[in-house]
Every structure is written in structure tokens, then in C-alpha cells.
Amino acid sequence: MQYSLPIFAFTAALAFVVVIVFAPQTPAAYADPIAVGGAAAHPAPQSITVIGPASAPGARDNYTVTRKIIPVAPPVAAKAKLGPAVPASEAQQIAYGMVQARGWGDDEFSCLVALWNKESHWTTTAGNASGAYGIPQALPGSKMASAGPNWQTDAATQITWGLGYISGRYQTPCNAWGHSQSTGWY
């Protein structure tokens, strides 16, 4: 009798370990497509599209890395009677007019769209931990006050400042985009 409790405890612990090791939860008890089997057990290969310079193809950790070059085309113009393609957002419409006023073409506008999509997604209140702010991610954001007092929320003010910055430092949006692609910033 005196050994019955320790023997019972040992047997219960051993049974618990055996169940955990040899009979884990049934596949229906959790959402693991690999354990369940079927089409999800062999997911399609993942892919990523990189615009700009990329490293050479190679392999790592049983994954093959291949390089597929997809050229970036300028916005496609609509039929002549309809005029040029309309940019996606109001901020892009403002920028498109300013880019044209500077004598830059659709190719430069495409570079600007790519650059500011990467930087802020054309959001006037976008910010990051380093203190960059707005559509062009001015650092600090208060620099844009030189373009207007409403720099914190006005797309036209931010775009005016951003195009001036690009023109002064890189000459064109495509030069700024190229620098951003090679260094990660502009």
C-alpha cells in the first residue's frame, strides 16, 4: 500500500509522456495544411519581384533563387482623344502636373511614382522612426515649411518641396530612384 501512490504517479506521468510523444493531437485539432495533406501539403513555390538591381542567382537553405528581370514601363497613355493616363491618386495628379511643368516626361513621372510609393505610398502624414515625414519623407519633416505653412498635411506643398529637393540633389526623379534602388534611400 505504501508504494501504490508513487507507482500510480509514475505510471500516470509515463502514460502522459507516451501520449504526447507517440500520439500528438489529431490533424483536425489544429490548422496545419502539411499535416492534413492534400494540395496544401505541397504549396506552390513562393516568388518575389524585385524592380532594380538584384544580386546574382543562387541557392540557400534548399531554396533556389532565380533572377527574373521585369522592365518598369512609364504610364501607358490613353488614346490621343482622351489625353494622358490619369495618375492613381489626387496627390499623383498634382505631381503629374508639376513634373510636366518642369519639362520632365512620363518616364520621369514613373520614376517619381515608384520612389514615393516606396517612401510613403503618397501619404501626406507618413512618418518613420528616424523622423522623416510626408510624401517625400523629408528629414526632418519641418524642412518642408520652406514650401508652405501647411506642409504637415498639404500634398501640393509636400510635392513642391520634394520636387525641389530631387531637382537640386539628383536633377531628375529617375536619378533619385536609381540612387534609392542602389542605397535604399534618396
Protein backbone atom coordinates (compact mmCIF):
# COMPACT_ATOMS: atom_id res chain seq x y z
CA MET A 1 0.00 0.00 0.00
CA GLN A 2 2.76 2.41 0.81
CA TYR A 3 4.12 2.20 -2.74
CA SER A 4 0.80 2.47 -4.53
CA LEU A 5 0.72 6.30 -4.74
CA PRO A 6 4.28 6.66 -6.15
CA ILE A 7 3.65 3.81 -8.60
CA PHE A 8 0.39 5.43 -9.68
CA ALA A 9 2.12 8.84 -10.13
CA PHE A 10 4.95 7.26 -12.13
CA THR A 11 2.51 5.34 -14.35
CA ALA A 12 0.38 8.43 -14.95
CA ALA A 13 3.43 10.54 -15.86
CA LEU A 14 4.75 7.82 -18.18
CA ALA A 15 1.37 7.49 -19.87
CA PHE A 16 1.23 11.27 -20.33
CA VAL A 17 4.68 11.31 -21.99
CA VAL A 18 3.82 8.34 -24.23
CA VAL A 19 0.62 10.01 -25.41
CA ILE A 20 2.39 13.31 -26.13
CA VAL A 21 5.30 11.68 -27.97
CA PHE A 22 3.56 8.91 -29.88
CA ALA A 23 0.04 10.27 -30.39
CA PRO A 24 0.13 14.05 -30.85
CA GLN A 25 -3.06 15.93 -31.49
CA THR A 26 -5.00 14.76 -34.49
CA PRO A 27 -4.62 16.89 -37.63
CA ALA A 28 -8.21 18.08 -37.34
CA ALA A 29 -7.41 19.67 -33.98
CA TYR A 30 -5.18 22.34 -35.48
CA ALA A 31 -4.79 24.10 -38.83
CA ASP A 32 -1.59 22.62 -40.24
CA PRO A 33 -2.01 22.09 -44.01
CA ILE A 34 1.15 19.96 -44.19
CA ALA A 35 -0.18 17.54 -41.53
CA VAL A 36 -3.61 17.39 -43.13
CA GLY A 37 -2.19 16.58 -46.58
CA GLY A 38 -3.78 17.23 -49.92
CA ALA A 39 -2.99 20.14 -52.24
CA ALA A 40 -1.93 22.40 -49.41
CA ALA A 41 0.72 19.90 -48.36
CA HIS A 42 2.74 20.93 -51.40
CA PRO A 43 2.36 24.70 -51.61
CA ALA A 44 3.31 26.50 -54.80
CA PRO A 45 6.79 27.99 -54.86
CA GLN A 46 6.99 31.50 -53.48
CA SER A 47 8.24 34.31 -55.66
CA ILE A 48 9.15 37.94 -55.25
CA THR A 49 9.53 40.57 -57.94
CA VAL A 50 12.42 42.98 -57.46
CA ILE A 51 12.49 46.14 -59.52
CA GLY A 52 16.02 47.40 -59.98
CA PRO A 53 19.39 45.83 -59.30
CA ALA A 54 19.33 42.39 -57.74
CA SER A 55 22.02 40.01 -56.59
CA ALA A 56 23.10 37.08 -58.71
CA PRO A 57 21.02 33.90 -58.70
CA GLY A 58 21.98 31.22 -56.24
CA ALA A 59 20.71 28.70 -53.70
CA ARG A 60 20.35 28.79 -49.95
CA ASP A 61 18.75 26.51 -47.38
CA ASN A 62 17.25 24.21 -50.05
CA TYR A 63 15.65 27.19 -51.85
CA THR A 64 16.68 28.14 -55.36
CA VAL A 65 16.90 31.84 -56.07
CA THR A 66 16.37 32.90 -59.65
CA ARG A 67 16.51 36.34 -61.18
CA LYS A 68 13.73 37.48 -63.47
CA ILE A 69 14.07 40.97 -64.91
CA ILE A 70 10.81 42.82 -65.42
CA PRO A 71 11.26 46.23 -67.05
CA VAL A 72 9.49 49.19 -65.49
CA ALA A 73 7.44 50.93 -68.14
CA PRO A 74 6.21 54.52 -67.99
CA PRO A 75 2.47 55.02 -67.60
CA VAL A 76 0.60 53.99 -70.72
CA ALA A 77 -1.09 56.96 -72.35
CA ALA A 78 -4.74 56.60 -73.22
CA LYS A 79 -5.91 57.14 -76.77
CA ALA A 80 -4.99 60.59 -78.09
CA LYS A 81 -8.54 61.94 -77.89
CA LEU A 82 -8.67 61.07 -74.16
CA GLY A 83 -5.32 62.63 -73.23
CA PRO A 84 -2.63 61.11 -70.97
CA ALA A 85 -3.34 58.40 -68.39
CA VAL A 86 -4.71 59.80 -65.14
CA PRO A 87 -2.46 59.16 -62.12
CA ALA A 88 -3.93 56.94 -59.41
CA SER A 89 -4.38 59.42 -56.56
CA GLU A 90 -5.08 63.10 -56.16
CA ALA A 91 -1.52 63.61 -54.91
CA GLN A 92 -0.19 61.88 -58.03
CA GLN A 93 -2.39 64.11 -60.20
CA ILE A 94 -0.87 67.17 -58.54
CA ALA A 95 2.64 65.75 -59.00
CA TYR A 96 1.98 64.86 -62.64
CA GLY A 97 1.18 68.49 -63.44
CA MET A 98 4.27 69.71 -61.58
CA VAL A 99 6.50 67.15 -63.31
CA GLN A 100 5.21 68.28 -66.71
CA ALA A 101 5.69 71.94 -65.75
CA ARG A 102 9.37 71.19 -65.06
CA GLY A 103 9.71 69.73 -68.55
CA TRP A 104 10.08 66.15 -67.35
CA GLY A 105 8.26 63.42 -69.28
CA ASP A 106 6.19 60.40 -68.37
CA ASP A 107 9.35 58.36 -67.80
CA GLU A 108 10.41 60.73 -65.02
CA PHE A 109 6.90 60.66 -63.57
CA SER A 110 7.05 56.83 -63.47
CA CYS A 111 10.30 57.03 -61.52
CA LEU A 112 8.74 59.55 -59.12
CA VAL A 113 5.72 57.29 -58.57
CA ALA A 114 7.99 54.32 -57.83
CA LEU A 115 10.17 56.40 -55.48
CA TRP A 116 7.35 57.86 -53.46
CA ASN A 117 5.38 54.61 -53.45
CA LYS A 118 8.41 53.11 -51.72
CA GLU A 119 8.89 56.05 -49.37
CA SER A 120 5.34 56.90 -48.26
CA HIS A 121 2.71 55.38 -50.54
CA TRP A 122 1.87 59.03 -51.33
CA THR A 123 0.53 59.62 -47.80
CA THR A 124 0.91 63.20 -46.53
CA THR A 125 1.14 62.09 -42.89
CA ALA A 126 3.54 59.16 -43.41
CA GLY A 127 6.39 59.12 -40.91
CA ASN A 128 9.12 56.82 -39.76
CA ALA A 129 11.26 56.29 -36.67
CA SER A 130 14.09 58.47 -37.98
CA GLY A 131 11.77 61.49 -38.18
CA ALA A 132 11.22 61.55 -41.96
CA TYR A 133 7.76 62.83 -42.83
CA GLY A 134 5.26 63.24 -45.63
CA ILE A 135 5.07 62.14 -49.23
CA PRO A 136 8.76 62.83 -49.98
CA GLN A 137 9.89 61.69 -46.48
CA ALA A 138 11.70 64.94 -45.69
CA LEU A 139 14.13 64.62 -42.79
CA PRO A 140 13.20 66.40 -40.65
CA GLY A 141 9.71 67.00 -41.95
CA SER A 142 9.81 70.64 -40.88
CA LYS A 143 12.15 71.33 -43.83
CA MET A 144 9.02 71.39 -45.97
CA ALA A 145 7.88 74.58 -44.21
CA SER A 146 10.02 76.40 -46.78
CA ALA A 147 7.42 75.38 -49.40
CA GLY A 148 4.39 76.48 -47.37
CA PRO A 149 2.94 76.77 -43.86
CA ASN A 150 0.59 73.83 -44.42
CA TRP A 151 3.47 71.38 -45.01
CA GLN A 152 2.18 68.84 -42.48
CA THR A 153 -0.96 67.90 -44.41
CA ASP A 154 -0.98 69.53 -47.87
CA ALA A 155 0.06 67.29 -50.76
CA ALA A 156 0.84 70.19 -53.10
CA THR A 157 3.20 71.79 -50.56
CA GLN A 158 4.98 68.49 -49.89
CA ILE A 159 5.27 67.68 -53.60
CA THR A 160 6.61 71.17 -54.37
CA TRP A 161 9.29 70.74 -51.71
CA GLY A 162 10.05 67.15 -52.76
CA LEU A 163 10.49 68.00 -56.44
CA GLY A 164 12.75 70.91 -55.49
CA TYR A 165 14.83 68.57 -53.34
CA ILE A 166 15.07 65.99 -56.13
CA SER A 167 15.94 68.62 -58.72
CA GLY A 168 18.65 70.18 -56.55
CA ARG A 169 20.25 66.94 -55.39
CA TYR A 170 19.62 64.42 -58.21
CA GLN A 171 18.49 66.57 -61.18
CA THR A 172 15.65 64.14 -62.07
CA PRO A 173 13.30 61.68 -60.38
CA CYS A 174 14.89 58.77 -62.30
CA ASN A 175 18.30 59.69 -60.88
CA ALA A 176 16.78 59.83 -57.38
CA TRP A 177 15.03 56.48 -57.96
CA GLY A 178 18.29 54.92 -59.17
CA HIS A 179 20.08 56.16 -56.05
CA SER A 180 17.27 54.82 -53.87
CA GLN A 181 17.49 51.42 -55.54
CA SER A 182 21.24 51.20 -55.05
CA THR A 183 21.43 52.54 -51.48
CA GLY A 184 17.94 52.11 -50.02
CA TRP A 185 17.45 55.87 -49.53
CA TYR A 186 17.48 59.08 -51.51
